[in-house]
Protein backbone atom coordinates (compact mmCIF):
# COMPACT_ATOMS: atom_id res chain seq x y z
CA MET A 1 -13.79 -0.86 18.47
CA PRO A 2 -10.65 -2.35 18.05
CA ARG A 3 -8.95 -2.29 14.68
CA ARG A 4 -9.25 -5.83 12.97
CA ILE A 5 -5.92 -7.18 11.59
CA ALA A 6 -6.01 -10.48 9.41
CA ILE A 7 -2.58 -12.51 9.60
CA VAL A 8 -1.99 -15.13 6.80
CA GLU A 9 0.82 -17.31 8.15
CA ASP A 10 1.41 -21.17 7.76
CA ASP A 11 3.83 -21.49 10.58
CA PRO A 12 1.63 -22.09 13.70
CA ALA A 13 4.41 -20.39 16.15
CA ILE A 14 5.18 -17.60 14.14
CA ARG A 15 1.51 -16.99 13.63
CA ALA A 16 0.87 -16.99 17.26
CA ASN A 17 3.76 -14.82 18.26
CA TYR A 18 2.76 -11.87 15.91
CA ALA A 19 -0.97 -12.54 16.99
CA ASP A 20 -0.08 -12.14 20.50
CA VAL A 21 2.07 -8.87 20.34
CA LEU A 22 -0.82 -7.40 18.30
CA LYS A 23 -3.37 -8.28 20.61
CA LYS A 24 -1.27 -6.64 23.58
CA HIS A 25 -1.34 -3.50 21.69
CA GLY A 26 -4.95 -3.54 21.51
CA TYR A 27 -5.61 -5.02 17.94
CA GLU A 28 -8.43 -7.56 17.29
CA VAL A 29 -6.63 -10.55 15.23
CA VAL A 30 -8.05 -12.92 13.02
CA GLN A 31 -5.58 -15.74 11.90
CA TYR A 32 -5.43 -17.85 8.57
CA VAL A 33 -3.53 -20.58 7.83
CA SER A 34 -3.93 -20.96 3.92
CA ARG A 35 -4.70 -18.63 0.77
CA PRO A 36 -8.23 -20.29 0.39
CA ASP A 37 -9.10 -19.90 4.01
CA ALA A 38 -7.97 -16.35 4.05
CA LEU A 39 -9.95 -15.39 0.70
CA ALA A 40 -12.84 -17.02 2.08
CA GLY A 41 -12.84 -15.46 5.40
CA MET A 42 -12.03 -11.95 4.05
CA ARG A 43 -14.74 -12.17 1.39
CA THR A 44 -17.11 -12.79 4.29
CA ARG A 45 -15.59 -9.65 6.30
CA LEU A 46 -12.69 -7.58 5.28
CA PRO A 47 -10.31 -6.85 7.97
CA GLU A 48 -9.13 -3.16 8.43
CA LEU A 49 -5.25 -4.36 7.55
CA ALA A 50 -3.78 -7.56 6.34
CA LEU A 51 -0.48 -9.09 7.00
CA LEU A 52 0.64 -11.70 4.33
CA ASP A 53 3.38 -14.26 4.28
CA ILE A 54 4.37 -15.10 0.68
CA GLY A 55 4.86 -18.96 1.04
CA LEU A 56 1.76 -20.67 2.19
CA GLY A 57 1.56 -24.25 2.48
CA ASP A 58 2.05 -25.92 -0.74
CA GLU A 59 1.87 -22.59 -2.64
CA VAL A 60 5.27 -20.90 -2.90
CA ASP A 61 3.90 -17.73 -3.92
CA GLY A 62 0.31 -18.14 -2.50
CA GLY A 63 0.74 -14.56 -0.73
CA PHE A 64 1.26 -13.03 -4.26
CA ALA A 65 -1.80 -14.56 -5.37
CA LEU A 66 -3.86 -13.62 -2.40
CA CYS A 67 -2.83 -10.09 -2.69
CA ARG A 68 -4.07 -9.77 -6.18
CA GLU A 69 -7.35 -11.35 -5.06
CA LEU A 70 -7.81 -8.95 -2.00
CA ARG A 71 -7.18 -6.05 -4.24
CA ALA A 72 -9.94 -7.19 -6.43
CA LEU A 73 -12.06 -7.10 -3.39
CA SER A 74 -10.75 -3.61 -2.07
CA ALA A 75 -8.34 -1.16 -3.66
CA THR A 76 -8.06 0.36 -0.16
CA LEU A 77 -7.31 -2.35 2.21
CA PRO A 78 -3.99 -1.74 3.68
CA ILE A 79 -1.77 -4.70 3.07
CA ILE A 80 1.66 -5.48 4.14
CA PHE A 81 3.73 -8.51 3.19
CA LEU A 82 5.45 -9.92 6.09
CA THR A 83 7.76 -12.69 5.14
CA ALA A 84 11.24 -14.31 5.37
CA ARG A 85 11.78 -13.64 1.74
CA ASP A 86 14.23 -10.47 1.61
CA SER A 87 15.28 -10.41 -2.05
CA ASP A 88 14.70 -7.12 -4.08
CA PHE A 89 12.83 -9.18 -6.68
CA ASP A 90 10.20 -10.34 -4.04
CA MET A 91 9.99 -6.97 -2.46
CA VAL A 92 9.35 -5.56 -6.06
CA SER A 93 6.91 -8.18 -6.89
CA GLY A 94 4.88 -7.68 -3.69
CA LEU A 95 4.53 -4.09 -4.23
CA ARG A 96 3.71 -4.68 -7.89
CA MET A 97 0.85 -7.02 -6.80
CA GLY A 98 -0.60 -4.20 -5.10
CA ALA A 99 0.78 -4.19 -1.36
CA ASP A 100 1.47 -1.10 0.64
CA ASP A 101 4.40 -2.22 2.35
CA TYR A 102 6.67 -5.09 2.23
CA VAL A 103 8.65 -5.98 5.62
CA THR A 104 10.77 -9.19 6.50
CA LYS A 105 10.68 -10.98 9.69
CA SER A 106 14.00 -10.21 10.65
CA MET A 107 12.53 -6.81 11.35
CA SER A 108 11.90 -5.72 15.01
CA LEU A 109 8.42 -5.90 16.45
CA PRO A 110 8.35 -2.16 17.58
CA HIS A 111 9.44 -1.42 13.84
CA LEU A 112 6.59 -3.58 12.50
CA LEU A 113 4.27 -1.84 14.84
CA ALA A 114 5.20 1.52 13.93
CA ARG A 115 4.37 0.52 10.05
CA VAL A 116 0.95 -0.88 11.12
CA SER A 117 0.22 2.28 13.18
CA ALA A 118 1.43 4.61 10.29
CA LEU A 119 -1.16 2.77 7.79
CA PHE A 120 -3.98 3.25 10.39
CA ARG A 121 -3.00 6.81 11.06
CA ARG A 122 -3.20 7.72 7.38
CA ALA A 123 -6.62 5.73 6.99
CA ASP A 124 -8.07 7.85 9.91
CA LEU A 125 -6.61 11.17 8.30
CA ALA A 126 -8.44 9.99 5.05
CA ARG A 127 -11.77 9.69 6.82
CA GLU A 128 -11.48 12.68 9.53
CA THR A 129 -9.91 15.40 7.52
CA ALA A 130 -12.27 17.25 5.43
CA PRO A 131 -10.30 17.83 2.06
CA ALA A 132 -10.04 21.25 0.90
CA GLU A 133 -11.12 20.15 -2.60
CA ASP A 134 -13.34 17.11 -2.98
CA VAL A 135 -11.95 16.52 -6.62
CA LEU A 136 -8.39 17.87 -7.60
CA THR A 137 -7.72 18.54 -11.30
CA ARG A 138 -4.50 18.81 -12.85
CA GLY A 139 -4.61 18.80 -16.58
CA ASP A 140 -5.65 15.27 -17.74
CA LEU A 141 -5.41 14.15 -14.11
CA THR A 142 -8.61 13.81 -11.92
CA LEU A 143 -8.66 12.92 -8.17
CA ASP A 144 -11.53 12.20 -6.41
CA LEU A 145 -10.60 12.55 -2.76
CA GLN A 146 -13.79 11.28 -1.36
CA ARG A 147 -13.98 8.11 -3.34
CA PHE A 148 -10.14 7.65 -3.55
CA THR A 149 -10.20 7.18 -7.36
CA VAL A 150 -7.95 8.36 -10.16
CA ALA A 151 -8.58 9.21 -13.71
CA TRP A 152 -6.34 9.87 -16.38
CA LYS A 153 -7.83 11.48 -19.58
CA THR A 154 -11.25 10.41 -18.19
CA ARG A 155 -9.96 6.54 -17.75
CA LEU A 156 -9.90 5.19 -14.28
CA VAL A 157 -6.48 4.18 -13.19
CA GLU A 158 -6.44 1.43 -10.31
CA LEU A 159 -4.13 2.65 -7.65
CA THR A 160 -4.07 1.51 -4.10
CA LEU A 161 -4.26 3.76 -1.29
CA THR A 162 -0.57 4.38 -0.72
CA GLU A 163 -0.28 5.01 -4.49
CA PHE A 164 -3.31 7.19 -4.52
CA TRP A 165 -1.76 9.48 -1.72
CA MET A 166 1.35 9.68 -3.44
CA VAL A 167 0.20 11.05 -6.48
CA HIS A 168 -1.90 13.32 -4.52
CA ALA A 169 1.29 14.69 -2.89
CA LEU A 170 3.03 15.18 -6.12
CA ALA A 171 0.16 16.53 -8.17
CA LYS A 172 -1.05 19.11 -5.74
CA PHE A 173 1.81 21.38 -6.51
CA PRO A 174 3.02 20.41 -9.85
CA GLY A 175 6.67 21.27 -10.40
CA HIS A 176 7.65 21.25 -6.75
CA VAL A 177 9.82 18.68 -5.71
CA LYS A 178 9.07 16.22 -3.13
CA ASN A 179 12.07 14.29 -1.54
CA ARG A 180 11.55 10.93 -0.09
CA GLU A 181 11.03 11.98 3.49
CA GLN A 182 8.46 14.49 2.50
CA LEU A 183 6.69 11.65 0.43
CA MET A 184 6.71 9.32 3.39
CA SER A 185 5.25 12.20 5.70
CA GLU A 186 2.65 13.14 3.38
CA VAL A 187 1.44 9.66 2.57
CA HIS A 188 1.73 8.54 6.15
CA ILE A 189 4.09 5.68 5.59
CA VAL A 190 7.42 4.30 7.22
CA VAL A 191 9.49 2.80 4.49
CA ASP A 192 12.93 2.71 3.10
CA ASP A 193 14.12 4.65 -0.02
CA SER A 194 13.98 1.60 -2.31
CA THR A 195 10.17 0.92 -1.33
CA ILE A 196 9.34 4.52 -2.14
CA THR A 197 11.22 4.17 -5.72
CA SER A 198 9.22 0.82 -6.23
CA HIS A 199 5.85 2.31 -5.55
CA VAL A 200 6.87 5.35 -7.83
CA LYS A 201 7.72 2.95 -10.60
CA ARG A 202 4.47 0.78 -10.11
CA ILE A 203 2.49 4.30 -10.24
CA ARG A 204 4.17 5.34 -13.83
CA ARG A 205 3.42 1.71 -14.89
CA LYS A 206 -0.27 1.93 -14.25
CA PHE A 207 -0.60 5.11 -15.88
CA ALA A 208 1.35 4.05 -18.93
CA GLU A 209 -0.90 1.01 -19.23
CA THR A 210 -3.82 3.72 -19.76
CA ASP A 211 -1.75 6.10 -21.87
CA PRO A 212 1.72 4.99 -23.20
CA ALA A 213 2.68 8.87 -23.53
CA PHE A 214 2.37 9.19 -19.77
CA ASP A 215 5.28 11.13 -18.67
CA ARG A 216 4.16 13.51 -15.94
CA ILE A 217 6.41 12.13 -13.08
CA ASP A 218 10.03 13.26 -13.06
CA THR A 219 13.10 11.93 -11.13
CA VAL A 220 15.05 14.60 -10.22
CA TYR A 221 18.10 12.76 -9.25
CA GLY A 222 19.70 13.30 -5.72
CA MET A 223 16.34 15.14 -4.57
CA GLY A 224 13.04 13.21 -5.28
CA TYR A 225 10.36 13.39 -7.58
CA ARG A 226 7.65 15.88 -8.96
CA TRP A 227 4.62 16.15 -11.17
CA ARG A 228 5.62 17.84 -14.35
CA ALA A 229 3.33 21.10 -14.72
CA ASP A 230 1.15 21.46 -17.79
CA THR A 231 2.95 23.51 -20.55
């Protein structure tokens, strides 16, 4: 069965162009013009990956709202913003809304396809690889590798699939520094350094919402990040 990708884009020419390319690479594509149509369609049947524009018709930030709504439907649905808006503010906002990646329409089609493929590869790995531990516990942290849930001091922390695997990569070996290339490899994503940084900031914020004293993720300047070992 081909992978099902949803494209939410209000420009018919751009939408058709991306749909044609994805279909030629073996994907099933469903297309939506507006946020209400997309939400209604995906409530009926979730795709396996969603590509969202930010501006949708009269809704200047419709894609951001749709991303939040999709995250309420599924914490693990891979979501990529595909937009002409290239400011750091928009990128950080998109990631904070729960997207797994953020790319601009100036990006080459082969690069976009590589990012889509990387997200699917990670999903396959999650399903097909039997983890050595079904539950990873590190002090107050509990990661359930079957349900993809995270708890800190017994309270659930709502993470996306990308965020889950980043925490797993860091917490599996507390005290070990992971550079950005290692994190991309272990999380199976292809992003730039600023996107990794934004993901880490968002993970910290989510843990801090549960516990304001949370301080387990250290930045090791010039090297990467590490999960602080229990003392």
